[in-house]
Structure formats: structure tokens, C-alpha cells
C-alpha atoms as a PDB file:
ATOM      1  CA  MET A   1     -37.380  65.232  46.197  1.00  0.00           C
ATOM      2  CA  ASN A   2     -36.917  63.987  42.625  1.00  0.00           C
ATOM      3  CA  GLY A   3     -36.006  66.278  39.736  1.00  0.00           C
ATOM      4  CA  GLU A   4     -39.558  66.610  38.427  1.00  0.00           C
ATOM      5  CA  LYS A   5     -40.990  67.605  41.801  1.00  0.00           C
ATOM      6  CA  LYS A   6     -38.147  70.034  42.463  1.00  0.00           C
ATOM      7  CA  LEU A   7     -38.624  71.674  39.060  1.00  0.00           C
ATOM      8  CA  PHE A   8     -42.376  71.990  39.636  1.00  0.00           C
ATOM      9  CA  VAL A   9     -42.067  73.390  43.174  1.00  0.00           C
ATOM     10  CA  GLU A  10     -39.479  75.957  42.010  1.00  0.00           C
ATOM     11  CA  TYR A  11     -41.699  76.933  39.081  1.00  0.00           C
ATOM     12  CA  LEU A  12     -44.714  77.434  41.363  1.00  0.00           C
ATOM     13  CA  LYS A  13     -42.640  79.612  43.703  1.00  0.00           C
ATOM     14  CA  LYS A  14     -41.368  81.699  40.788  1.00  0.00           C
ATOM     15  CA  LYS A  15     -44.960  82.225  39.585  1.00  0.00           C
ATOM     16  CA  GLY A  16     -46.175  83.076  43.108  1.00  0.00           C
ATOM     17  CA  LEU A  17     -48.391  79.981  43.241  1.00  0.00           C
ATOM     18  CA  LYS A  18     -48.867  77.598  46.157  1.00  0.00           C
ATOM     19  CA  THR A  19     -47.516  74.069  46.263  1.00  0.00           C
ATOM     20  CA  THR A  20     -50.750  72.300  47.184  1.00  0.00           C
ATOM     21  CA  ARG A  21     -51.342  68.664  48.041  1.00  0.00           C
ATOM     22  CA  GLN A  22     -53.712  68.403  45.050  1.00  0.00           C
ATOM     23  CA  ARG A  23     -51.073  69.670  42.615  1.00  0.00           C
ATOM     24  CA  MET A  24     -48.516  67.232  43.976  1.00  0.00           C
ATOM     25  CA  ASN A  25     -51.013  64.338  43.801  1.00  0.00           C
ATOM     26  CA  ILE A  26     -51.714  65.241  40.175  1.00  0.00           C
ATOM     27  CA  LEU A  27     -47.969  65.333  39.483  1.00  0.00           C
ATOM     28  CA  ASP A  28     -47.447  61.910  41.067  1.00  0.00           C
ATOM     29  CA  SER A  29     -50.287  60.419  39.031  1.00  0.00           C
ATOM     30  CA  PHE A  30     -49.081  62.055  35.819  1.00  0.00           C
ATOM     31  CA  LEU A  31     -45.559  60.709  36.331  1.00  0.00           C
ATOM     32  CA  GLU A  32     -46.977  57.188  36.758  1.00  0.00           C
ATOM     33  CA  GLU A  33     -48.677  57.383  33.352  1.00  0.00           C
ATOM     34  CA  ASN A  34     -47.091  55.929  30.249  1.00  0.00           C
ATOM     35  CA  GLY A  35     -47.631  57.366  26.819  1.00  0.00           C
ATOM     36  CA  HIS A  36     -50.068  60.141  26.015  1.00  0.00           C
ATOM     37  CA  VAL A  37     -52.841  60.871  28.509  1.00  0.00           C
ATOM     38  CA  SER A  38     -55.755  63.256  28.112  1.00  0.00           C
ATOM     39  CA  ALA A  39     -56.797  65.546  30.943  1.00  0.00           C
ATOM     40  CA  PHE A  40     -60.044  63.582  31.241  1.00  0.00           C
ATOM     41  CA  GLU A  41     -58.238  60.221  31.446  1.00  0.00           C
ATOM     42  CA  LEU A  42     -55.947  61.532  34.175  1.00  0.00           C
ATOM     43  CA  TYR A  43     -58.919  63.062  35.981  1.00  0.00           C
ATOM     44  CA  GLU A  44     -60.806  59.726  35.878  1.00  0.00           C
ATOM     45  CA  SER A  45     -57.764  57.950  37.304  1.00  0.00           C
ATOM     46  CA  LEU A  46     -57.278  60.548  40.058  1.00  0.00           C
ATOM     47  CA  LYS A  47     -60.966  60.588  40.978  1.00  0.00           C
ATOM     48  CA  LYS A  48     -60.700  56.975  42.143  1.00  0.00           C
ATOM     49  CA  LYS A  49     -58.126  57.954  44.786  1.00  0.00           C
ATOM     50  CA  TYR A  50     -59.249  61.530  45.413  1.00  0.00           C
ATOM     51  CA  PRO A  51     -63.022  61.818  44.890  1.00  0.00           C
ATOM     52  CA  ASP A  52     -63.051  65.562  45.667  1.00  0.00           C
ATOM     53  CA  ILE A  53     -60.678  66.485  42.851  1.00  0.00           C
ATOM     54  CA  GLY A  54     -62.126  68.622  40.071  1.00  0.00           C
ATOM     55  CA  PHE A  55     -61.528  68.289  36.345  1.00  0.00           C
ATOM     56  CA  SER A  56     -60.585  71.959  35.981  1.00  0.00           C
ATOM     57  CA  THR A  57     -57.913  71.546  38.680  1.00  0.00           C
ATOM     58  CA  VAL A  58     -56.405  68.627  36.768  1.00  0.00           C
ATOM     59  CA  TYR A  59     -56.528  70.508  33.463  1.00  0.00           C
ATOM     60  CA  ARG A  60     -54.991  73.698  34.866  1.00  0.00           C
ATOM     61  CA  THR A  61     -52.263  71.697  36.597  1.00  0.00           C
ATOM     62  CA  LEU A  62     -51.410  69.889  33.351  1.00  0.00           C
ATOM     63  CA  LYS A  63     -51.049  73.312  31.746  1.00  0.00           C
ATOM     64  CA  LEU A  64     -48.611  74.281  34.532  1.00  0.00           C
ATOM     65  CA  PHE A  65     -46.618  71.101  33.824  1.00  0.00           C
ATOM     66  CA  THR A  66     -46.410  72.169  30.184  1.00  0.00           C
ATOM     67  CA  GLU A  67     -45.314  75.703  31.064  1.00  0.00           C
ATOM     68  CA  CYS A  68     -42.487  74.508  33.328  1.00  0.00           C
ATOM     69  CA  GLY A  69     -41.201  71.794  30.983  1.00  0.00           C
ATOM     70  CA  LEU A  70     -42.527  68.685  32.703  1.00  0.00           C
ATOM     71  CA  ALA A  71     -45.026  67.884  29.943  1.00  0.00           C
ATOM     72  CA  ASN A  72     -45.596  68.361  26.266  1.00  0.00           C
ATOM     73  CA  GLU A  73     -49.094  68.974  25.005  1.00  0.00           C
ATOM     74  CA  VAL A  74     -49.810  67.045  21.820  1.00  0.00           C
ATOM     75  CA  ASN A  75     -52.882  66.884  19.642  1.00  0.00           C
ATOM     76  CA  PHE A  76     -53.301  63.935  17.327  1.00  0.00           C
ATOM     77  CA  GLY A  77     -56.352  65.288  15.528  1.00  0.00           C
ATOM     78  CA  GLU A  78     -58.865  63.509  17.734  1.00  0.00           C
ATOM     79  CA  GLY A  79     -60.390  66.659  19.159  1.00  0.00           C
ATOM     80  CA  GLN A  80     -58.566  66.668  22.490  1.00  0.00           C
ATOM     81  CA  SER A  81     -55.142  67.474  23.803  1.00  0.00           C
ATOM     82  CA  ARG A  82     -52.967  64.776  25.249  1.00  0.00           C
ATOM     83  CA  PHE A  83     -49.991  65.212  27.546  1.00  0.00           C
ATOM     84  CA  GLU A  84     -46.734  63.301  27.669  1.00  0.00           C
ATOM     85  CA  LYS A  85     -43.771  63.459  30.007  1.00  0.00           C
ATOM     86  CA  ALA A  86     -41.097  65.859  28.769  1.00  0.00           C
ATOM     87  CA  TYR A  87     -38.555  66.119  31.575  1.00  0.00           C
ATOM     88  CA  LYS A  88     -35.145  64.877  30.390  1.00  0.00           C
ATOM     89  CA  ARG A  89     -36.675  62.951  27.478  1.00  0.00           C
ATOM     90  CA  GLU A  90     -34.859  62.393  24.228  1.00  0.00           C
ATOM     91  CA  TYR A  91     -36.017  64.287  21.194  1.00  0.00           C
ATOM     92  CA  HIS A  92     -38.761  62.340  19.548  1.00  0.00           C
ATOM     93  CA  GLY A  93     -41.535  62.748  17.054  1.00  0.00           C
ATOM     94  CA  HIS A  94     -44.878  61.134  16.399  1.00  0.00           C
ATOM     95  CA  LEU A  95     -46.288  59.254  13.462  1.00  0.00           C
ATOM     96  CA  ILE A  96     -50.084  59.642  13.463  1.00  0.00           C
ATOM     97  CA  CYS A  97     -52.407  57.562  11.298  1.00  0.00           C
ATOM     98  CA  GLN A  98     -55.179  59.729   9.890  1.00  0.00           C
ATOM     99  CA  THR A  99     -57.406  56.677   9.386  1.00  0.00           C
ATOM    100  CA  CYS A 100     -57.309  54.752  12.690  1.00  0.00           C
ATOM    101  CA  GLY A 101     -55.616  57.311  14.974  1.00  0.00           C
ATOM    102  CA  ASP A 102     -52.760  54.971  15.898  1.00  0.00           C
ATOM    103  CA  THR A 103     -49.618  56.794  17.020  1.00  0.00           C
ATOM    104  CA  HIS A 104     -45.987  55.763  17.193  1.00  0.00           C
ATOM    105  CA  GLU A 105     -43.053  57.628  18.669  1.00  0.00           C
ATOM    106  CA  PHE A 106     -39.703  57.729  16.896  1.00  0.00           C
ATOM    107  CA  SER A 107     -36.330  59.142  17.818  1.00  0.00           C
ATOM    108  CA  ALA A 108     -35.672  62.584  16.386  1.00  0.00           C
ATOM    109  CA  GLU A 109     -32.229  63.128  17.948  1.00  0.00           C
ATOM    110  CA  SER A 110     -30.793  64.171  14.593  1.00  0.00           C
ATOM    111  CA  LEU A 111     -33.229  67.086  14.523  1.00  0.00           C
ATOM    112  CA  GLN A 112     -31.785  68.555  17.713  1.00  0.00           C
ATOM    113  CA  ASN A 113     -28.674  69.901  15.949  1.00  0.00           C
ATOM    114  CA  LEU A 114     -30.787  71.335  13.137  1.00  0.00           C
ATOM    115  CA  GLN A 115     -33.092  73.006  15.646  1.00  0.00           C
ATOM    116  CA  GLU A 116     -30.158  74.512  17.532  1.00  0.00           C
ATOM    117  CA  ARG A 117     -28.675  75.936  14.312  1.00  0.00           C
ATOM    118  CA  ILE A 118     -32.017  77.470  13.322  1.00  0.00           C
ATOM    119  CA  LEU A 119     -32.544  78.966  16.793  1.00  0.00           C
ATOM    120  CA  THR A 120     -29.041  80.427  16.864  1.00  0.00           C
ATOM    121  CA  LYS A 121     -29.333  81.872  13.359  1.00  0.00           C
ATOM    122  CA  HIS A 122     -32.596  83.651  14.176  1.00  0.00           C
ATOM    123  CA  GLY A 123     -31.861  84.460  17.831  1.00  0.00           C
ATOM    124  CA  TYR A 124     -34.776  82.507  19.312  1.00  0.00           C
ATOM    125  CA  LYS A 125     -35.056  80.910  22.735  1.00  0.00           C
ATOM    126  CA  PRO A 126     -36.938  77.597  22.430  1.00  0.00           C
ATOM    127  CA  LEU A 127     -40.085  77.058  24.455  1.00  0.00           C
ATOM    128  CA  GLY A 128     -41.081  73.758  22.952  1.00  0.00           C
ATOM    129  CA  PHE A 129     -40.569  71.287  20.178  1.00  0.00           C
ATOM    130  CA  LYS A 130     -43.018  69.175  18.171  1.00  0.00           C
ATOM    131  CA  PHE A 131     -42.391  66.921  15.234  1.00  0.00           C
ATOM    132  CA  GLU A 132     -45.461  65.147  13.897  1.00  0.00           C
ATOM    133  CA  ILE A 133     -45.933  63.273  10.670  1.00  0.00           C
ATOM    134  CA  TYR A 134     -49.492  62.547   9.583  1.00  0.00           C
ATOM    135  CA  GLY A 135     -50.110  59.655   7.237  1.00  0.00           C
ATOM    136  CA  ILE A 136     -51.723  56.248   6.914  1.00  0.00           C
ATOM    137  CA  CYS A 137     -50.275  53.265   8.797  1.00  0.00           C
ATOM    138  CA  ARG A 138     -49.462  49.911   7.168  1.00  0.00           C
ATOM    139  CA  LYS A 139     -52.585  48.235   8.548  1.00  0.00           C
ATOM    140  CA  CYS A 140     -54.888  50.855   7.124  1.00  0.00           C
ATOM    141  CA  GLN A 141     -53.050  50.846   3.808  1.00  0.00           C
ATOM    142  CA  LYS A 142     -53.718  47.107   3.474  1.00  0.00           C
ATOM    143  CA  LYS A 143     -57.466  47.524   4.006  1.00  0.00           C
END
């Protein structure tokens, strides 16, 4: 069992939830995705293989991934949440164009030390991290 599956199964046990075939199928499909996927996009992909799967099951399972640290929920101002893999990923941020919606990831490793100092100073335990910069991309600036 890979690290992601082990983490998820342990999290479900800790929460008193069942490790179902549907949850594991959703996890497998999510881990195959690249980039930022919406719950609806993942649902549409899963429905092709598993026609009986429900959207609410996919959405709730994505929320479980977020709670246990397998996913980050991001919102790029398009009216829906997107999910990206989080397990053992480097610190990164997002540049989001407010005109065309284009997004780019960038390394934010240098922010990790700053975050740790802030958390220590104030006695907080981190539950998540987001670094997003909203602006206008080069293409849109040229228009």
C-alpha cells in the first residue's frame, strides 16, 4: 500500500469511517490527476468507469482527502473549488490571472521557514497553507 493510501486508510479508521471500494476508487482517480481538478471534473471522469458513483460521494471524499492532508482545496475565483495533491509536495503558491483565469504554480520553499517562525511565535499548529497572488498575466496585459 502506497503512502497516500495508508494515510487515508489510517485517517478513516481514526474517524470511525469505513474504507469502502468507492472511496479507494476515488482516491486512485484523484492521484492520477495532474494539476487542479474540480469535484465535478473528477466525478465526470469516475462516472465513465463507475456509472453508479454519485457526485456527493466524490465531493465528500475530496473533503476527507483535504482533512487528512492528501489534498489542498484551492479557489481561483471561478466560482468553484479545485483540489490538488498535497501529500509530500513542496511548498508552492499560485499566480492567478484575474482576466483570463490562467494559473501558474511557483515554488514557495522560502516561505516555509517564515511560516514556521510565525507558528512557533504564536503557538499555532498548522492545518494548511495557501499562497495566492492575483494579478494580470503577460498575455492579458498585452491586449
